[in-house]
Amino acid sequence: KVEHLSWQVKKILELVYKYGQDEVNAAIERALEYEAYGYSYIRNICQERANTRKEGDFVSIAEILGDMLKQYRLPEVEVRSLKIYDQITGVSCKGWG
């Protein structure tokens, strides 16, 4: 059914947000090797890989967000000096961070 297919796709996209695009792609490739089609197989592979990952060998949130942002064409942003905020607030941020 079309409804079932759209649900499967939606759930797989949710896995991308949870595990990252590279991890889900690897899980899909593995599922295809075994001719295991569907969200539940891909989810189980992602969970298995996450559970067996060594401590310290993790996917950072920056990597996940980076993967997500690659999907969108973001506009260029003009780089401006932040000194204007010093002038507006009367507070200097020199030496911070």
PDB file of N, CA and C in Angstrom:
ATOM      1  N   LYS A   1       0.833  -1.186   0.000  1.00  0.00           N
ATOM      2  CA  LYS A   1       0.000   0.000   0.000  1.00  0.00           C
ATOM      3  C   LYS A   1       0.877   1.247   0.000  1.00  0.00           C
ATOM      4  N   VAL A   2       0.364   2.309  -0.590  1.00  0.00           N
ATOM      5  CA  VAL A   2       1.088   3.573  -0.631  1.00  0.00           C
ATOM      6  C   VAL A   2       1.239   4.141   0.776  1.00  0.00           C
ATOM      7  N   GLU A   3       0.180   4.037   1.608  1.00  0.00           N
ATOM      8  CA  GLU A   3       0.263   4.559   2.971  1.00  0.00           C
ATOM      9  C   GLU A   3       1.385   3.851   3.740  1.00  0.00           C
ATOM     10  N   HIS A   4       1.480   2.565   3.545  1.00  0.00           N
ATOM     11  CA  HIS A   4       2.500   1.784   4.232  1.00  0.00           C
ATOM     12  C   HIS A   4       3.893   2.216   3.769  1.00  0.00           C
ATOM     13  N   LEU A   5       4.055   2.437   2.491  1.00  0.00           N
ATOM     14  CA  LEU A   5       5.341   2.867   1.947  1.00  0.00           C
ATOM     15  C   LEU A   5       5.727   4.228   2.482  1.00  0.00           C
ATOM     16  N   SER A   6       4.785   5.160   2.535  1.00  0.00           N
ATOM     17  CA  SER A   6       5.106   6.496   3.048  1.00  0.00           C
ATOM     18  C   SER A   6       5.467   6.435   4.529  1.00  0.00           C
ATOM     19  N   TRP A   7       4.815   5.539   5.280  1.00  0.00           N
ATOM     20  CA  TRP A   7       5.160   5.363   6.691  1.00  0.00           C
ATOM     21  C   TRP A   7       6.584   4.833   6.824  1.00  0.00           C
ATOM     22  N   GLN A   8       6.939   3.847   5.979  1.00  0.00           N
ATOM     23  CA  GLN A   8       8.287   3.269   6.007  1.00  0.00           C
ATOM     24  C   GLN A   8       9.340   4.346   5.736  1.00  0.00           C
ATOM     25  N   VAL A   9       9.098   5.153   4.709  1.00  0.00           N
ATOM     26  CA  VAL A   9      10.046   6.209   4.348  1.00  0.00           C
ATOM     27  C   VAL A   9      10.170   7.216   5.485  1.00  0.00           C
ATOM     28  N   LYS A  10       9.048   7.612   6.071  1.00  0.00           N
ATOM     29  CA  LYS A  10       9.065   8.560   7.187  1.00  0.00           C
ATOM     30  C   LYS A  10       9.889   8.008   8.346  1.00  0.00           C
ATOM     31  N   LYS A  11       9.681   6.758   8.681  1.00  0.00           N
ATOM     32  CA  LYS A  11      10.397   6.150   9.803  1.00  0.00           C
ATOM     33  C   LYS A  11      11.905   6.024   9.501  1.00  0.00           C
ATOM     34  N   ILE A  12      12.251   5.715   8.268  1.00  0.00           N
ATOM     35  CA  ILE A  12      13.670   5.624   7.891  1.00  0.00           C
ATOM     36  C   ILE A  12      14.315   7.006   7.993  1.00  0.00           C
ATOM     37  N   LEU A  13      13.608   8.052   7.583  1.00  0.00           N
ATOM     38  CA  LEU A  13      14.138   9.409   7.715  1.00  0.00           C
ATOM     39  C   LEU A  13      14.343   9.786   9.181  1.00  0.00           C
ATOM     40  N   GLU A  14      13.475   9.303  10.046  1.00  0.00           N
ATOM     41  CA  GLU A  14      13.650   9.539  11.482  1.00  0.00           C
ATOM     42  C   GLU A  14      14.935   8.875  11.977  1.00  0.00           C
ATOM     43  N   LEU A  15      15.270   7.721  11.411  1.00  0.00           N
ATOM     44  CA  LEU A  15      16.527   7.059  11.781  1.00  0.00           C
ATOM     45  C   LEU A  15      17.724   7.925  11.409  1.00  0.00           C
ATOM     46  N   VAL A  16      17.633   8.643  10.291  1.00  0.00           N
ATOM     47  CA  VAL A  16      18.727   9.534   9.872  1.00  0.00           C
ATOM     48  C   VAL A  16      18.949  10.590  10.937  1.00  0.00           C
ATOM     49  N   TYR A  17      17.875  11.150  11.485  1.00  0.00           N
ATOM     50  CA  TYR A  17      18.010  12.157  12.527  1.00  0.00           C
ATOM     51  C   TYR A  17      18.611  11.563  13.800  1.00  0.00           C
ATOM     52  N   LYS A  18      18.303  10.304  14.061  1.00  0.00           N
ATOM     53  CA  LYS A  18      18.790   9.669  15.289  1.00  0.00           C
ATOM     54  C   LYS A  18      20.225   9.162  15.165  1.00  0.00           C
ATOM     55  N   TYR A  19      20.551   8.512  14.036  1.00  0.00           N
ATOM     56  CA  TYR A  19      21.840   7.836  13.894  1.00  0.00           C
ATOM     57  C   TYR A  19      22.795   8.520  12.914  1.00  0.00           C
ATOM     58  N   GLY A  20      22.287   9.394  12.067  1.00  0.00           N
ATOM     59  CA  GLY A  20      23.122  10.036  11.065  1.00  0.00           C
ATOM     60  C   GLY A  20      22.989   9.347   9.709  1.00  0.00           C
ATOM     61  N   GLN A  21      23.210  10.123   8.660  1.00  0.00           N
ATOM     62  CA  GLN A  21      23.004   9.636   7.300  1.00  0.00           C
ATOM     63  C   GLN A  21      23.952   8.494   6.946  1.00  0.00           C
ATOM     64  N   ASP A  22      25.218   8.612   7.312  1.00  0.00           N
ATOM     65  CA  ASP A  22      26.185   7.559   6.975  1.00  0.00           C
ATOM     66  C   ASP A  22      25.828   6.238   7.636  1.00  0.00           C
ATOM     67  N   GLU A  23      25.406   6.305   8.885  1.00  0.00           N
ATOM     68  CA  GLU A  23      25.050   5.090   9.632  1.00  0.00           C
ATOM     69  C   GLU A  23      23.825   4.410   9.007  1.00  0.00           C
ATOM     70  N   VAL A  24      22.831   5.194   8.640  1.00  0.00           N
ATOM     71  CA  VAL A  24      21.622   4.635   8.036  1.00  0.00           C
ATOM     72  C   VAL A  24      21.935   4.079   6.647  1.00  0.00           C
ATOM     73  N   ASN A  25      22.760   4.781   5.883  1.00  0.00           N
ATOM     74  CA  ASN A  25      23.156   4.259   4.568  1.00  0.00           C
ATOM     75  C   ASN A  25      23.845   2.909   4.705  1.00  0.00           C
ATOM     76  N   ALA A  26      24.741   2.792   5.687  1.00  0.00           N
ATOM     77  CA  ALA A  26      25.433   1.519   5.918  1.00  0.00           C
ATOM     78  C   ALA A  26      24.436   0.429   6.305  1.00  0.00           C
ATOM     79  N   ALA A  27      23.448   0.791   7.120  1.00  0.00           N
ATOM     80  CA  ALA A  27      22.435  -0.186   7.537  1.00  0.00           C
ATOM     81  C   ALA A  27      21.578  -0.622   6.342  1.00  0.00           C
ATOM     82  N   ILE A  28      21.246   0.312   5.464  1.00  0.00           N
ATOM     83  CA  ILE A  28      20.458  -0.033   4.276  1.00  0.00           C
ATOM     84  C   ILE A  28      21.246  -0.975   3.378  1.00  0.00           C
ATOM     85  N   GLU A  29      22.523  -0.680   3.187  1.00  0.00           N
ATOM     86  CA  GLU A  29      23.364  -1.559   2.365  1.00  0.00           C
ATOM     87  C   GLU A  29      23.425  -2.962   2.951  1.00  0.00           C
ATOM     88  N   ARG A  30      23.579  -3.033   4.257  1.00  0.00           N
ATOM     89  CA  ARG A  30      23.634  -4.349   4.912  1.00  0.00           C
ATOM     90  C   ARG A  30      22.294  -5.081   4.768  1.00  0.00           C
ATOM     91  N   ALA A  31      21.193  -4.369   4.950  1.00  0.00           N
ATOM     92  CA  ALA A  31      19.869  -4.987   4.820  1.00  0.00           C
ATOM     93  C   ALA A  31      19.660  -5.509   3.397  1.00  0.00           C
ATOM     94  N   LEU A  32      20.109  -4.755   2.408  1.00  0.00           N
ATOM     95  CA  LEU A  32      19.949  -5.184   1.021  1.00  0.00           C
ATOM     96  C   LEU A  32      20.759  -6.445   0.730  1.00  0.00           C
ATOM     97  N   GLU A  33      21.925  -6.580   1.371  1.00  0.00           N
ATOM     98  CA  GLU A  33      22.735  -7.790   1.194  1.00  0.00           C
ATOM     99  C   GLU A  33      21.939  -9.034   1.595  1.00  0.00           C
ATOM    100  N   TYR A  34      21.101  -8.883   2.614  1.00  0.00           N
ATOM    101  CA  TYR A  34      20.307 -10.010   3.118  1.00  0.00           C
ATOM    102  C   TYR A  34      18.877 -10.006   2.571  1.00  0.00           C
ATOM    103  N   GLU A  35      18.632  -9.121   1.612  1.00  0.00           N
ATOM    104  CA  GLU A  35      17.299  -8.985   1.026  1.00  0.00           C
ATOM    105  C   GLU A  35      16.243  -8.770   2.111  1.00  0.00           C
ATOM    106  N   ALA A  36      16.629  -7.994   3.106  1.00  0.00           N
ATOM    107  CA  ALA A  36      15.729  -7.655   4.211  1.00  0.00           C
ATOM    108  C   ALA A  36      15.254  -6.227   3.980  1.00  0.00           C
ATOM    109  N   TYR A  37      14.037  -6.094   3.520  1.00  0.00           N
ATOM    110  CA  TYR A  37      13.518  -4.792   3.133  1.00  0.00           C
ATOM    111  C   TYR A  37      12.579  -4.262   4.210  1.00  0.00           C
ATOM    112  N   GLY A  38      12.704  -3.012   4.517  1.00  0.00           N
ATOM    113  CA  GLY A  38      11.765  -2.383   5.434  1.00  0.00           C
ATOM    114  C   GLY A  38      12.437  -1.683   6.595  1.00  0.00           C
ATOM    115  N   TYR A  39      11.658  -0.786   7.173  1.00  0.00           N
ATOM    116  CA  TYR A  39      12.121   0.039   8.278  1.00  0.00           C
ATOM    117  C   TYR A  39      12.619  -0.781   9.463  1.00  0.00           C
ATOM    118  N   SER A  40      11.887  -1.800   9.863  1.00  0.00           N
ATOM    119  CA  SER A  40      12.248  -2.537  11.081  1.00  0.00           C
ATOM    120  C   SER A  40      13.617  -3.206  10.951  1.00  0.00           C
ATOM    121  N   TYR A  41      13.947  -3.701   9.777  1.00  0.00           N
ATOM    122  CA  TYR A  41      15.268  -4.316   9.577  1.00  0.00           C
ATOM    123  C   TYR A  41      16.369  -3.258   9.675  1.00  0.00           C
ATOM    124  N   ILE A  42      16.135  -2.139   9.045  1.00  0.00           N
ATOM    125  CA  ILE A  42      17.130  -1.061   9.060  1.00  0.00           C
ATOM    126  C   ILE A  42      17.298  -0.527  10.478  1.00  0.00           C
ATOM    127  N   ARG A  43      16.202  -0.352  11.196  1.00  0.00           N
ATOM    128  CA  ARG A  43      16.262   0.108  12.587  1.00  0.00           C
ATOM    129  C   ARG A  43      17.067  -0.865  13.446  1.00  0.00           C
ATOM    130  N   ASN A  44      16.796  -2.161  13.290  1.00  0.00           N
ATOM    131  CA  ASN A  44      17.504  -3.161  14.086  1.00  0.00           C
ATOM    132  C   ASN A  44      19.000  -3.143  13.803  1.00  0.00           C
ATOM    133  N   ILE A  45      19.375  -2.970  12.556  1.00  0.00           N
ATOM    134  CA  ILE A  45      20.799  -2.916  12.207  1.00  0.00           C
ATOM    135  C   ILE A  45      21.437  -1.673  12.825  1.00  0.00           C
ATOM    136  N   CYS A  46      20.755  -0.547  12.748  1.00  0.00           N
ATOM    137  CA  CYS A  46      21.281   0.688  13.353  1.00  0.00           C
ATOM    138  C   CYS A  46      21.451   0.509  14.867  1.00  0.00           C
ATOM    139  N   GLN A  47      20.456  -0.089  15.511  1.00  0.00           N
ATOM    140  CA  GLN A  47      20.532  -0.314  16.951  1.00  0.00           C
ATOM    141  C   GLN A  47      21.680  -1.257  17.300  1.00  0.00           C
ATOM    142  N   GLU A  48      21.820  -2.318  16.521  1.00  0.00           N
ATOM    143  CA  GLU A  48      22.886  -3.289  16.763  1.00  0.00           C
ATOM    144  C   GLU A  48      24.257  -2.632  16.638  1.00  0.00           C
ATOM    145  N   ARG A  49      24.418  -1.844  15.595  1.00  0.00           N
ATOM    146  CA  ARG A  49      25.700  -1.164  15.382  1.00  0.00           C
ATOM    147  C   ARG A  49      25.975  -0.160  16.498  1.00  0.00           C
ATOM    148  N   ALA A  50      24.940   0.534  16.956  1.00  0.00           N
ATOM    149  CA  ALA A  50      25.109   1.504  18.042  1.00  0.00           C
ATOM    150  C   ALA A  50      25.466   0.803  19.344  1.00  0.00           C
ATOM    151  N   ASN A  51      24.860  -0.351  19.596  1.00  0.00           N
ATOM    152  CA  ASN A  51      25.120  -1.097  20.827  1.00  0.00           C
ATOM    153  C   ASN A  51      26.497  -1.725  20.849  1.00  0.00           C
ATOM    154  N   THR A  52      27.018  -2.070  19.682  1.00  0.00           N
ATOM    155  CA  THR A  52      28.326  -2.722  19.637  1.00  0.00           C
ATOM    156  C   THR A  52      29.470  -1.734  19.426  1.00  0.00           C
ATOM    157  N   ARG A  53      29.128  -0.472  19.239  1.00  0.00           N
ATOM    158  CA  ARG A  53      30.163   0.545  19.055  1.00  0.00           C
ATOM    159  C   ARG A  53      30.964   0.677  20.346  1.00  0.00           C
ATOM    160  N   LYS A  54      32.245   0.798  20.212  1.00  0.00           N
ATOM    161  CA  LYS A  54      33.122   0.929  21.377  1.00  0.00           C
ATOM    162  C   LYS A  54      32.876   2.263  22.060  1.00  0.00           C
ATOM    163  N   GLU A  55      33.123   2.264  23.375  1.00  0.00           N
ATOM    164  CA  GLU A  55      33.002   3.506  24.120  1.00  0.00           C
ATOM    165  C   GLU A  55      34.005   4.509  23.554  1.00  0.00           C
ATOM    166  N   GLY A  56      33.582   5.716  23.377  1.00  0.00           N
ATOM    167  CA  GLY A  56      34.443   6.739  22.798  1.00  0.00           C
ATOM    168  C   GLY A  56      34.365   6.783  21.284  1.00  0.00           C
ATOM    169  N   ASP A  57      33.814   5.750  20.668  1.00  0.00           N
ATOM    170  CA  ASP A  57      33.641   5.695  19.215  1.00  0.00           C
ATOM    171  C   ASP A  57      32.179   6.022  18.931  1.00  0.00           C
ATOM    172  N   PHE A  58      31.877   7.298  18.904  1.00  0.00           N
ATOM    173  CA  PHE A  58      30.491   7.716  18.784  1.00  0.00           C
ATOM    174  C   PHE A  58      30.326   8.691  17.624  1.00  0.00           C
ATOM    175  N   VAL A  59      29.089   8.899  17.264  1.00  0.00           N
ATOM    176  CA  VAL A  59      28.766   9.886  16.238  1.00  0.00           C
ATOM    177  C   VAL A  59      28.370  11.155  16.980  1.00  0.00           C
ATOM    178  N   SER A  60      29.111  12.214  16.762  1.00  0.00           N
ATOM    179  CA  SER A  60      28.824  13.450  17.476  1.00  0.00           C
ATOM    180  C   SER A  60      27.591  14.120  16.898  1.00  0.00           C
ATOM    181  N   ILE A  61      26.967  14.946  17.701  1.00  0.00           N
ATOM    182  CA  ILE A  61      25.794  15.681  17.241  1.00  0.00           C
ATOM    183  C   ILE A  61      26.180  16.607  16.088  1.00  0.00           C
ATOM    184  N   ALA A  62      27.414  17.106  16.099  1.00  0.00           N
ATOM    185  CA  ALA A  62      27.872  17.972  15.009  1.00  0.00           C
ATOM    186  C   ALA A  62      27.890  17.205  13.685  1.00  0.00           C
ATOM    187  N   GLU A  63      28.312  15.947  13.710  1.00  0.00           N
ATOM    188  CA  GLU A  63      28.307  15.131  12.492  1.00  0.00           C
ATOM    189  C   GLU A  63      26.884  14.885  12.004  1.00  0.00           C
ATOM    190  N   ILE A  64      25.989  14.587  12.943  1.00  0.00           N
ATOM    191  CA  ILE A  64      24.600  14.331  12.576  1.00  0.00           C
ATOM    192  C   ILE A  64      23.978  15.589  11.979  1.00  0.00           C
ATOM    193  N   LEU A  65      24.181  16.720  12.642  1.00  0.00           N
ATOM    194  CA  LEU A  65      23.624  17.969  12.123  1.00  0.00           C
ATOM    195  C   LEU A  65      24.263  18.341  10.791  1.00  0.00           C
ATOM    196  N   GLY A  66      25.559  18.084  10.662  1.00  0.00           N
ATOM    197  CA  GLY A  66      26.237  18.346   9.391  1.00  0.00           C
ATOM    198  C   GLY A  66      25.633  17.532   8.268  1.00  0.00           C
ATOM    199  N   ASP A  67      25.349  16.260   8.540  1.00  0.00           N
ATOM    200  CA  ASP A  67      24.709  15.399   7.538  1.00  0.00           C
ATOM    201  C   ASP A  67      23.332  15.939   7.164  1.00  0.00           C
ATOM    202  N   MET A  68      22.595  16.390   8.174  1.00  0.00           N
ATOM    203  CA  MET A  68      21.262  16.914   7.913  1.00  0.00           C
ATOM    204  C   MET A  68      21.324  18.188   7.071  1.00  0.00           C
ATOM    205  N   LEU A  69      22.273  19.065   7.382  1.00  0.00           N
ATOM    206  CA  LEU A  69      22.367  20.342   6.671  1.00  0.00           C
ATOM    207  C   LEU A  69      22.843  20.183   5.242  1.00  0.00           C
ATOM    208  N   LYS A  70      23.561  19.097   4.946  1.00  0.00           N
ATOM    209  CA  LYS A  70      24.021  18.855   3.579  1.00  0.00           C
ATOM    210  C   LYS A  70      22.847  18.718   2.612  1.00  0.00           C
ATOM    211  N   GLN A  71      21.682  18.374   3.135  1.00  0.00           N
ATOM    212  CA  GLN A  71      20.506  18.173   2.301  1.00  0.00           C
ATOM    213  C   GLN A  71      19.933  19.498   1.793  1.00  0.00           C
ATOM    214  N   TYR A  72      20.298  20.591   2.445  1.00  0.00           N
ATOM    215  CA  TYR A  72      19.711  21.876   2.116  1.00  0.00           C
ATOM    216  C   TYR A  72      20.762  22.817   1.545  1.00  0.00           C
ATOM    217  N   ARG A  73      20.346  23.618   0.616  1.00  0.00           N
ATOM    218  CA  ARG A  73      21.242  24.640   0.085  1.00  0.00           C
ATOM    219  C   ARG A  73      21.013  25.896   0.912  1.00  0.00           C
ATOM    220  N   LEU A  74      21.969  26.203   1.749  1.00  0.00           N
ATOM    221  CA  LEU A  74      21.832  27.340   2.646  1.00  0.00           C
ATOM    222  C   LEU A  74      22.415  28.591   1.993  1.00  0.00           C
ATOM    223  N   PRO A  75      21.798  29.731   2.224  1.00  0.00           N
ATOM    224  CA  PRO A  75      22.310  30.970   1.623  1.00  0.00           C
ATOM    225  C   PRO A  75      23.625  31.374   2.269  1.00  0.00           C
ATOM    226  N   GLU A  76      24.435  32.062   1.507  1.00  0.00           N
ATOM    227  CA  GLU A  76      25.675  32.602   2.047  1.00  0.00           C
ATOM    228  C   GLU A  76      25.327  33.724   3.023  1.00  0.00           C
ATOM    229  N   VAL A  77      26.077  33.808   4.096  1.00  0.00           N
ATOM    230  CA  VAL A  77      25.840  34.837   5.101  1.00  0.00           C
ATOM    231  C   VAL A  77      27.043  35.763   5.113  1.00  0.00           C
ATOM    232  N   GLU A  78      26.758  37.059   5.095  1.00  0.00           N
ATOM    233  CA  GLU A  78      27.823  38.055   5.128  1.00  0.00           C
ATOM    234  C   GLU A  78      28.523  38.003   6.481  1.00  0.00           C
ATOM    235  N   VAL A  79      29.835  37.952   6.461  1.00  0.00           N
ATOM    236  CA  VAL A  79      30.615  37.949   7.693  1.00  0.00           C
ATOM    237  C   VAL A  79      30.780  39.398   8.136  1.00  0.00           C
ATOM    238  N   ARG A  80      30.377  39.670   9.348  1.00  0.00           N
ATOM    239  CA  ARG A  80      30.459  41.034   9.883  1.00  0.00           C
ATOM    240  C   ARG A  80      31.273  41.040  11.161  1.00  0.00           C
ATOM    241  N   SER A  81      31.850  42.158  11.445  1.00  0.00           N
ATOM    242  CA  SER A  81      32.594  42.324  12.679  1.00  0.00           C
ATOM    243  C   SER A  81      31.629  42.345  13.856  1.00  0.00           C
ATOM    244  N   LEU A  82      32.004  41.722  14.937  1.00  0.00           N
ATOM    245  CA  LEU A  82      31.165  41.706  16.130  1.00  0.00           C
ATOM    246  C   LEU A  82      31.431  42.908  17.036  1.00  0.00           C
ATOM    247  N   LYS A  83      32.359  43.778  16.633  1.00  0.00           N
ATOM    248  CA  LYS A  83      32.677  44.954  17.438  1.00  0.00           C
ATOM    249  C   LYS A  83      31.490  45.892  17.587  1.00  0.00           C
ATOM    250  N   ILE A  84      30.542  45.827  16.658  1.00  0.00           N
ATOM    251  CA  ILE A  84      29.346  46.665  16.761  1.00  0.00           C
ATOM    252  C   ILE A  84      28.594  46.386  18.058  1.00  0.00           C
ATOM    253  N   TYR A  85      28.637  45.126  18.528  1.00  0.00           N
ATOM    254  CA  TYR A  85      27.953  44.786  19.772  1.00  0.00           C
ATOM    255  C   TYR A  85      28.660  45.399  20.976  1.00  0.00           C
ATOM    256  N   ASP A  86      29.980  45.527  20.888  1.00  0.00           N
ATOM    257  CA  ASP A  86      30.716  46.222  21.945  1.00  0.00           C
ATOM    258  C   ASP A  86      30.243  47.665  22.037  1.00  0.00           C
ATOM    259  N   GLN A  87      30.063  48.286  20.872  1.00  0.00           N
ATOM    260  CA  GLN A  87      29.637  49.684  20.837  1.00  0.00           C
ATOM    261  C   GLN A  87      28.208  49.836  21.343  1.00  0.00           C
ATOM    262  N   ILE A  88      27.347  48.919  20.966  1.00  0.00           N
ATOM    263  CA  ILE A  88      25.935  49.018  21.358  1.00  0.00           C
ATOM    264  C   ILE A  88      25.766  48.792  22.852  1.00  0.00           C
ATOM    265  N   THR A  89      26.433  47.764  23.369  1.00  0.00           N
ATOM    266  CA  THR A  89      26.234  47.398  24.772  1.00  0.00           C
ATOM    267  C   THR A  89      27.178  48.104  25.714  1.00  0.00           C
ATOM    268  N   GLY A  90      28.278  48.630  25.173  1.00  0.00           N
ATOM    269  CA  GLY A  90      29.273  49.263  26.041  1.00  0.00           C
ATOM    270  C   GLY A  90      30.120  48.250  26.777  1.00  0.00           C
ATOM    271  N   VAL A  91      29.994  46.970  26.401  1.00  0.00           N
ATOM    272  CA  VAL A  91      30.753  45.895  27.032  1.00  0.00           C
ATOM    273  C   VAL A  91      31.708  45.307  26.005  1.00  0.00           C
ATOM    274  N   SER A  92      32.946  45.136  26.384  1.00  0.00           N
ATOM    275  CA  SER A  92      33.910  44.538  25.477  1.00  0.00           C
ATOM    276  C   SER A  92      33.994  43.036  25.725  1.00  0.00           C
ATOM    277  N   CYS A  93      34.004  42.280  24.648  1.00  0.00           N
ATOM    278  CA  CYS A  93      34.070  40.823  24.758  1.00  0.00           C
ATOM    279  C   CYS A  93      35.487  40.323  24.571  1.00  0.00           C
ATOM    280  N   LYS A  94      36.470  41.194  24.610  1.00  0.00           N
ATOM    281  CA  LYS A  94      37.860  40.763  24.434  1.00  0.00           C
ATOM    282  C   LYS A  94      38.240  39.795  25.542  1.00  0.00           C
ATOM    283  N   GLY A  95      38.895  38.733  25.149  1.00  0.00           N
ATOM    284  CA  GLY A  95      39.357  37.742  26.115  1.00  0.00           C
ATOM    285  C   GLY A  95      38.330  36.670  26.445  1.00  0.00           C
ATOM    286  N   TRP A  96      37.128  36.796  25.929  1.00  0.00           N
ATOM    287  CA  TRP A  96      36.112  35.769  26.170  1.00  0.00           C
ATOM    288  C   TRP A  96      36.313  34.637  25.190  1.00  0.00           C
ATOM    289  N   GLY A  97      36.160  33.413  25.664  1.00  0.00           N
ATOM    290  CA  GLY A  97      36.192  32.227  24.805  1.00  0.00           C
ATOM    291  C   GLY A  97      37.488  32.076  24.135  1.00  0.00           C
TER     292      GLY A  97
END
